């Protein structure tokens, strides 16, 4: 599953810092000015663009919103509610939290729809393979006894909510909701902008994006990064419009990996097998009505591979998919759902 590294950057196109000074330039002089705000969040960056007048204290409000999320659900904050649950024997009381239950509901919905190929209880296996808060392996040897033991802890049926008590069936069960964290953070900021009277906006956290309204009557445009293991090479593989009120999230294996004894270990873990998943799907971009859902589905797509991923999104009327695939001879191919 994906974690807080900025694994894939969806490049923002066609934003402007202010309206043109006079008619006859690229855009009409009546265009509303745009305001940009950039900061750090969730182990990555955030970039906010909105049309209209500047919103007072927006940075403080955004940082407060994301900090509140982290105190509940970040695996990197030692005293977060998430870590309290993970470190407990039987579970904890999550009464008074704002984000725990909504994130669990998203996880259950996507897990059921994907037959468990998205499952945040895969957290112990993610650590085992050296991702998230785990340590990189020192050997390429795989001990299937250990893997199978950890697989006993995987499955959202082992996590139940009774009133405000979040319970676990076994002491070693853990949650890691980072695979949809950036998407959820994008949704929070988009809601903040709308409530502040700025419906025309684009929110980006580490490459996960959600649009609101339009960019002066036109869609916001985004570009999908061409898969390349060189982090410094950022080349667009395709430019797509992000229509009003839609979100996009991308997952891939080509940046988040390490090698031991010539063996490659990438960050996508298959909850069914417990093993690192590497298939022909190099990059999965999913469009959805909200970014947390897009984020979770993008992870599931990376697990199942290109053909099943395409069927997954085409079977859901709310989703669209844009996939970059390694062809039989190593060439890059594009697969996309019929709506794109």
Protein backbone atom coordinates (compact mmCIF):
# COMPACT_ATOMS: atom_id res chain seq x y z
CA UNK A 1 0.00 0.00 0.00
CA UNK A 2 1.08 3.62 -0.47
CA UNK A 3 2.59 5.69 2.28
CA UNK A 4 3.50 9.26 2.94
CA UNK A 5 6.33 9.65 0.45
CA UNK A 6 5.43 11.89 -2.51
CA UNK A 7 5.62 8.87 -4.80
CA UNK A 8 4.00 10.31 -7.88
CA UNK A 9 3.59 13.96 -8.70
CA UNK A 10 0.65 14.82 -10.93
CA UNK A 11 1.91 18.00 -12.55
CA UNK A 12 -0.40 20.96 -12.33
CA UNK A 13 -0.99 22.68 -15.66
CA UNK A 14 -2.67 25.89 -16.71
CA UNK A 15 -2.78 27.81 -13.43
CA UNK A 16 -2.14 31.53 -13.32
CA UNK A 17 -1.06 33.85 -10.53
CA UNK A 18 -3.20 36.80 -11.55
CA UNK A 19 -5.56 38.01 -14.23
CA UNK A 20 -4.01 39.43 -17.40
CA UNK A 21 -3.49 43.16 -17.35
CA UNK A 22 -5.38 43.92 -20.55
CA UNK A 23 -7.53 42.46 -23.26
CA UNK A 24 -5.83 40.65 -26.12
CA UNK A 25 -3.61 38.51 -23.87
CA UNK A 26 -4.02 34.75 -23.52
CA UNK A 27 -7.11 35.11 -21.32
CA UNK A 28 -9.85 37.77 -21.09
CA UNK A 29 -9.20 40.65 -18.70
CA UNK A 30 -12.37 39.74 -16.83
CA UNK A 31 -10.84 36.54 -15.50
CA UNK A 32 -10.87 36.23 -11.74
CA UNK A 33 -7.38 36.36 -10.22
CA UNK A 34 -5.98 33.17 -8.74
CA UNK A 35 -4.25 32.83 -5.40
CA UNK A 36 -1.73 30.11 -4.60
CA UNK A 37 -0.65 28.68 -1.27
CA UNK A 38 2.13 26.11 -0.87
CA UNK A 39 3.21 24.29 2.29
CA UNK A 40 4.21 20.95 3.77
CA UNK A 41 1.80 18.25 4.88
CA UNK A 42 1.58 14.49 5.41
CA UNK A 43 5.23 13.88 4.60
CA UNK A 44 4.81 15.72 1.31
CA UNK A 45 3.67 19.12 0.01
CA UNK A 46 0.35 20.81 -0.45
CA UNK A 47 -0.44 23.25 -3.23
CA UNK A 48 -3.72 25.16 -3.18
CA UNK A 49 -4.97 27.32 -6.04
CA UNK A 50 -8.24 29.22 -5.80
CA UNK A 51 -9.96 32.03 -7.65
CA UNK A 52 -11.09 35.27 -6.05
CA UNK A 53 -9.87 37.36 -3.15
CA UNK A 54 -7.30 36.07 -0.70
CA UNK A 55 -8.69 34.10 2.26
CA UNK A 56 -7.40 35.49 5.58
CA UNK A 57 -5.32 33.09 7.70
CA UNK A 58 -5.77 30.25 5.21
CA UNK A 59 -2.36 28.71 5.93
CA UNK A 60 -3.10 28.55 9.66
CA UNK A 61 -6.53 27.05 9.02
CA UNK A 62 -5.15 24.42 6.63
CA UNK A 63 -2.29 23.50 8.97
CA UNK A 64 -4.69 23.23 11.91
CA UNK A 65 -7.01 20.98 9.91
CA UNK A 66 -4.23 18.62 8.81
CA UNK A 67 -2.60 18.59 12.24
CA UNK A 68 -5.90 17.50 13.75
CA UNK A 69 -6.03 14.65 11.24
CA UNK A 70 -2.45 13.61 12.07
CA UNK A 71 -3.17 13.52 15.80
CA UNK A 72 -5.86 10.97 15.08
CA UNK A 73 -4.61 8.88 12.16
CA UNK A 74 -0.93 9.40 11.41
CA UNK A 75 1.34 6.38 11.86
CA UNK A 76 4.22 8.85 12.22
CA UNK A 77 2.83 10.67 15.29
CA UNK A 78 3.77 8.50 18.29
CA UNK A 79 0.79 9.46 20.44
CA UNK A 80 -1.83 9.47 17.68
CA UNK A 81 -5.10 7.62 18.21
CA UNK A 82 -4.10 5.24 15.43
CA UNK A 83 -0.92 4.24 17.22
CA UNK A 84 -2.82 3.91 20.48
CA UNK A 85 -5.10 1.41 18.75
CA UNK A 86 -2.23 -0.43 17.10
CA UNK A 87 -0.32 -0.72 20.38
CA UNK A 88 -3.35 -1.93 22.34
CA UNK A 89 -4.22 -5.54 23.06
CA UNK A 90 -7.97 -5.35 22.45
CA UNK A 91 -8.75 -1.85 21.16
CA UNK A 92 -9.47 1.69 22.36
CA UNK A 93 -12.25 4.24 22.80
CA UNK A 94 -12.28 6.62 19.82
CA UNK A 95 -15.04 8.84 21.18
CA UNK A 96 -14.48 12.54 20.44
CA UNK A 97 -12.53 11.92 17.22
CA UNK A 98 -13.61 13.58 13.98
CA UNK A 99 -11.76 11.61 11.30
CA UNK A 100 -11.40 8.04 12.56
CA UNK A 101 -14.89 6.80 11.74
CA UNK A 102 -15.14 8.49 8.29
CA UNK A 103 -11.82 6.95 7.29
CA UNK A 104 -12.90 3.52 8.51
CA UNK A 105 -16.13 3.82 6.52
CA UNK A 106 -14.19 4.68 3.35
CA UNK A 107 -11.84 1.75 3.98
CA UNK A 108 -14.69 -0.72 4.48
CA UNK A 109 -16.57 0.49 1.42
CA UNK A 110 -13.55 0.22 -0.90
CA UNK A 111 -12.36 -3.03 0.67
CA UNK A 112 -15.75 -4.65 0.05
CA UNK A 113 -15.93 -3.31 -3.50
CA UNK A 114 -12.44 -4.62 -4.31
CA UNK A 115 -12.85 -8.01 -2.60
CA UNK A 116 -10.20 -7.09 -0.04
CA UNK A 117 -7.43 -6.05 -2.43
CA UNK A 118 -7.54 -2.72 -0.57
CA UNK A 119 -7.21 -3.49 3.14
CA UNK A 120 -5.61 -1.18 5.75
CA UNK A 121 -5.07 -4.08 8.17
CA UNK A 122 -2.17 -5.09 5.91
CA UNK A 123 -0.07 -2.77 8.12
CA UNK A 124 1.97 -5.54 9.86
CA UNK A 125 3.01 -6.89 6.45
CA UNK A 126 3.94 -3.43 5.19
CA UNK A 127 6.33 -3.10 8.14
CA UNK A 128 7.64 -6.61 7.55
CA UNK A 129 8.59 -5.68 3.98
CA UNK A 130 10.37 -2.51 5.11
CA UNK A 131 7.86 0.22 4.27
CA UNK A 132 5.82 2.67 6.30
CA UNK A 133 7.41 2.75 9.75
CA UNK A 134 9.23 -0.53 9.10
CA UNK A 135 12.92 -1.07 8.31
CA UNK A 136 14.27 -2.25 4.98
CA UNK A 137 15.06 -5.93 4.79
CA UNK A 138 18.67 -7.07 4.94
CA UNK A 139 18.12 -10.26 2.95
CA UNK A 140 16.14 -11.23 -0.14
CA UNK A 141 15.14 -14.57 1.41
CA UNK A 142 11.42 -14.91 2.11
CA UNK A 143 10.25 -16.81 5.17
CA UNK A 144 6.73 -17.88 4.24
CA UNK A 145 6.07 -19.10 7.77
CA UNK A 146 6.50 -15.53 8.99
CA UNK A 147 4.43 -14.15 6.13
CA UNK A 148 1.59 -16.60 6.76
CA UNK A 149 1.65 -15.77 10.46
CA UNK A 150 1.19 -12.09 9.67
CA UNK A 151 -1.58 -12.89 7.17
CA UNK A 152 -3.62 -14.14 10.14
CA UNK A 153 -3.85 -10.50 11.25
CA UNK A 154 -5.15 -9.17 7.92
CA UNK A 155 -8.84 -8.53 7.28
CA UNK A 156 -11.22 -5.73 8.23
CA UNK A 157 -13.51 -8.33 9.79
CA UNK A 158 -10.96 -8.34 12.62
CA UNK A 159 -11.75 -4.67 13.43
CA UNK A 160 -15.19 -3.80 14.83
CA UNK A 161 -16.75 -0.60 16.11
CA UNK A 162 -19.14 -1.00 19.04
CA UNK A 163 -20.43 2.39 20.07
CA UNK A 164 -17.23 4.40 20.49
CA UNK A 165 -15.08 1.33 21.19
CA UNK A 166 -12.87 0.26 18.29
CA UNK A 167 -12.01 -3.36 18.96
CA UNK A 168 -9.56 -5.83 17.43
CA UNK A 169 -10.03 -9.60 17.27
CA UNK A 170 -6.35 -10.39 17.85
CA UNK A 171 -3.62 -8.43 19.71
CA UNK A 172 -1.40 -8.02 16.64
CA UNK A 173 -4.05 -6.47 14.38
CA UNK A 174 -3.04 -2.99 13.20
CA UNK A 175 -4.50 -0.29 10.97
CA UNK A 176 -2.68 1.94 8.54
CA UNK A 177 -4.89 4.36 6.65
CA UNK A 178 -2.05 6.22 4.95
CA UNK A 179 -3.05 4.77 1.58
CA UNK A 180 -5.98 7.19 1.54
CA UNK A 181 -4.58 9.85 3.91
CA UNK A 182 -3.46 12.39 1.34
CA UNK A 183 -6.71 12.00 -0.55
CA UNK A 184 -8.71 12.57 2.63
CA UNK A 185 -6.60 15.63 3.41
CA UNK A 186 -7.34 16.99 -0.09
CA UNK A 187 -11.06 16.54 0.57
CA UNK A 188 -10.82 18.39 3.89
CA UNK A 189 -9.12 21.39 2.28
CA UNK A 190 -11.56 21.42 -0.65
CA UNK A 191 -14.45 21.52 1.82
CA UNK A 192 -12.74 24.36 3.70
CA UNK A 193 -12.37 26.42 0.51
CA UNK A 194 -15.98 25.87 -0.48
CA UNK A 195 -17.25 26.84 2.96
CA UNK A 196 -15.09 29.99 2.77
CA UNK A 197 -16.96 31.05 -0.37
CA UNK A 198 -14.36 29.98 -2.94
CA UNK A 199 -15.97 27.21 -5.02
CA UNK A 200 -13.42 27.52 -7.86
CA UNK A 201 -10.26 25.81 -6.65
CA UNK A 202 -7.74 23.03 -7.14
CA UNK A 203 -6.19 21.25 -4.14
CA UNK A 204 -3.07 19.08 -4.45
CA UNK A 205 -1.34 17.07 -1.71
CA UNK A 206 1.63 15.11 -2.99
CA UNK A 207 0.02 14.62 -6.40
CA UNK A 208 -3.48 13.73 -5.19
CA UNK A 209 -5.93 16.37 -6.46
CA UNK A 210 -9.50 17.56 -6.28
CA UNK A 211 -11.11 20.31 -8.30
CA UNK A 212 -13.91 22.63 -7.34
CA UNK A 213 -15.79 24.64 -9.95
CA UNK A 214 -13.70 25.70 -12.94
CA UNK A 215 -10.69 27.79 -13.85
CA UNK A 216 -12.51 30.77 -15.30
CA UNK A 217 -15.00 28.59 -17.14
CA UNK A 218 -12.54 25.89 -18.21
CA UNK A 219 -11.62 22.61 -16.52
CA UNK A 220 -8.50 22.40 -14.42
CA UNK A 221 -5.91 20.36 -16.32
CA UNK A 222 -3.54 17.84 -14.79
CA UNK A 223 -0.78 15.69 -16.26
CA UNK A 224 0.18 12.16 -15.29
CA UNK A 225 3.88 11.64 -14.65
CA UNK A 226 5.72 9.28 -16.96
CA UNK A 227 7.03 6.31 -14.90
CA UNK A 228 10.76 6.74 -14.40
CA UNK A 229 12.93 5.53 -11.53
CA UNK A 230 14.96 8.73 -11.78
CA UNK A 231 13.20 11.03 -9.28
CA UNK A 232 14.57 14.12 -11.01
CA UNK A 233 12.95 13.29 -14.34
CA UNK A 234 9.41 14.59 -14.36
CA UNK A 235 7.90 14.13 -17.81
CA UNK A 236 4.16 14.14 -18.51
CA UNK A 237 2.74 10.97 -20.04
CA UNK A 238 -0.64 12.55 -20.73
CA UNK A 239 -2.67 15.66 -19.92
CA UNK A 240 -6.26 15.24 -18.75
CA UNK A 241 -9.03 17.64 -17.73
CA UNK A 242 -10.21 17.35 -14.14
CA UNK A 243 -13.87 18.19 -14.45
CA UNK A 244 -15.81 20.12 -11.85
CA UNK A 245 -16.03 18.42 -8.48
CA UNK A 246 -13.83 15.44 -9.45
CA UNK A 247 -10.70 14.10 -7.83
CA UNK A 248 -7.70 12.10 -9.04
CA UNK A 249 -5.17 9.98 -7.17
CA UNK A 250 -2.21 8.03 -8.55
CA UNK A 251 -0.29 5.04 -7.23
CA UNK A 252 2.81 3.35 -8.62
CA UNK A 253 5.83 1.24 -7.74
CA UNK A 254 8.62 2.85 -9.72
CA UNK A 255 9.74 5.37 -7.06
CA UNK A 256 8.96 3.62 -3.76
CA UNK A 257 11.20 0.58 -3.75
CA UNK A 258 14.58 -0.71 -2.62
CA UNK A 259 16.86 -3.56 -3.68
CA UNK A 260 18.57 -6.28 -1.65
CA UNK A 261 20.81 -8.95 -3.20
CA UNK A 262 19.53 -8.01 -6.64
CA UNK A 263 15.88 -8.45 -5.57
CA UNK A 264 13.47 -5.51 -5.82
CA UNK A 265 11.02 -4.82 -3.01
CA UNK A 266 8.30 -2.30 -3.85
CA UNK A 267 5.74 -0.73 -1.57
CA UNK A 268 2.60 -2.36 -2.98
CA UNK A 269 1.74 -5.32 -0.74
CA UNK A 270 -0.90 -7.85 -1.76
CA UNK A 271 -3.26 -8.43 1.21
CA UNK A 272 -4.22 -11.82 -0.21
CA UNK A 273 -0.73 -13.30 -0.55
CA UNK A 274 1.19 -11.17 1.94
CA UNK A 275 3.88 -10.65 -0.69
CA UNK A 276 5.27 -7.64 -2.52
CA UNK A 277 3.20 -7.15 -5.67
CA UNK A 278 4.95 -6.31 -8.94
CA UNK A 279 3.01 -6.69 -12.15
CA UNK A 280 2.78 -4.95 -15.53
CA UNK A 281 0.85 -2.01 -14.08
CA UNK A 282 3.39 0.78 -13.49
CA UNK A 283 1.03 3.61 -12.61
CA UNK A 284 -2.68 3.70 -11.74
CA UNK A 285 -4.58 7.00 -11.80
CA UNK A 286 -8.17 6.85 -10.60
CA UNK A 287 -10.84 9.56 -10.93
CA UNK A 288 -13.62 9.62 -8.34
CA UNK A 289 -16.08 12.07 -6.76
CA UNK A 290 -13.79 12.44 -3.72
CA UNK A 291 -10.04 12.09 -3.37
CA UNK A 292 -9.96 9.62 -0.47
CA UNK A 293 -11.96 7.13 -2.54
CA UNK A 294 -9.73 7.71 -5.58
CA UNK A 295 -6.67 7.20 -3.37
CA UNK A 296 -7.87 3.87 -1.98
CA UNK A 297 -8.94 2.54 -5.39
CA UNK A 298 -5.58 3.48 -6.93
CA UNK A 299 -3.90 1.26 -4.34
CA UNK A 300 -6.26 -1.62 -5.10
CA UNK A 301 -5.59 -1.25 -8.82
CA UNK A 302 -1.84 -1.63 -8.29
CA UNK A 303 -2.47 -4.90 -6.46
CA UNK A 304 -4.67 -6.53 -9.11
CA UNK A 305 -2.78 -5.51 -12.26
CA UNK A 306 -3.94 -3.72 -15.44
CA UNK A 307 -6.73 -5.94 -16.80
CA UNK A 308 -8.49 -6.42 -13.48
CA UNK A 309 -7.90 -2.77 -12.59
CA UNK A 310 -9.65 -1.63 -15.76
CA UNK A 311 -12.61 -3.88 -15.00
CA UNK A 312 -12.67 -2.61 -11.42
CA UNK A 313 -13.15 1.01 -12.47
CA UNK A 314 -15.47 0.26 -15.39
CA UNK A 315 -17.78 -1.72 -13.11
CA UNK A 316 -18.24 1.41 -10.95
CA UNK A 317 -20.09 4.29 -12.60
CA UNK A 318 -18.41 6.81 -10.24
CA UNK A 319 -14.87 5.88 -11.31
CA UNK A 320 -12.58 6.32 -14.29
CA UNK A 321 -9.05 4.99 -14.72
CA UNK A 322 -5.89 5.92 -16.61
CA UNK A 323 -3.19 3.24 -16.43
CA UNK A 324 0.41 3.13 -17.63
CA UNK A 325 1.42 -0.45 -18.37
CA UNK A 326 4.65 -2.24 -19.28
CA UNK A 327 4.06 -3.98 -22.61
CA UNK A 328 5.23 -7.45 -23.57
CA UNK A 329 8.43 -6.08 -25.10
CA UNK A 330 9.01 -3.54 -22.33
CA UNK A 331 7.38 -0.63 -24.15
CA UNK A 332 5.03 1.74 -22.31
CA UNK A 333 1.35 1.29 -23.06
CA UNK A 334 -1.71 3.27 -21.98
CA UNK A 335 -4.98 1.71 -20.86
CA UNK A 336 -7.96 3.86 -19.89
CA UNK A 337 -11.61 3.47 -19.13
CA UNK A 338 -14.19 4.36 -21.73
CA UNK A 339 -15.13 7.65 -20.01
CA UNK A 340 -11.71 9.23 -20.64
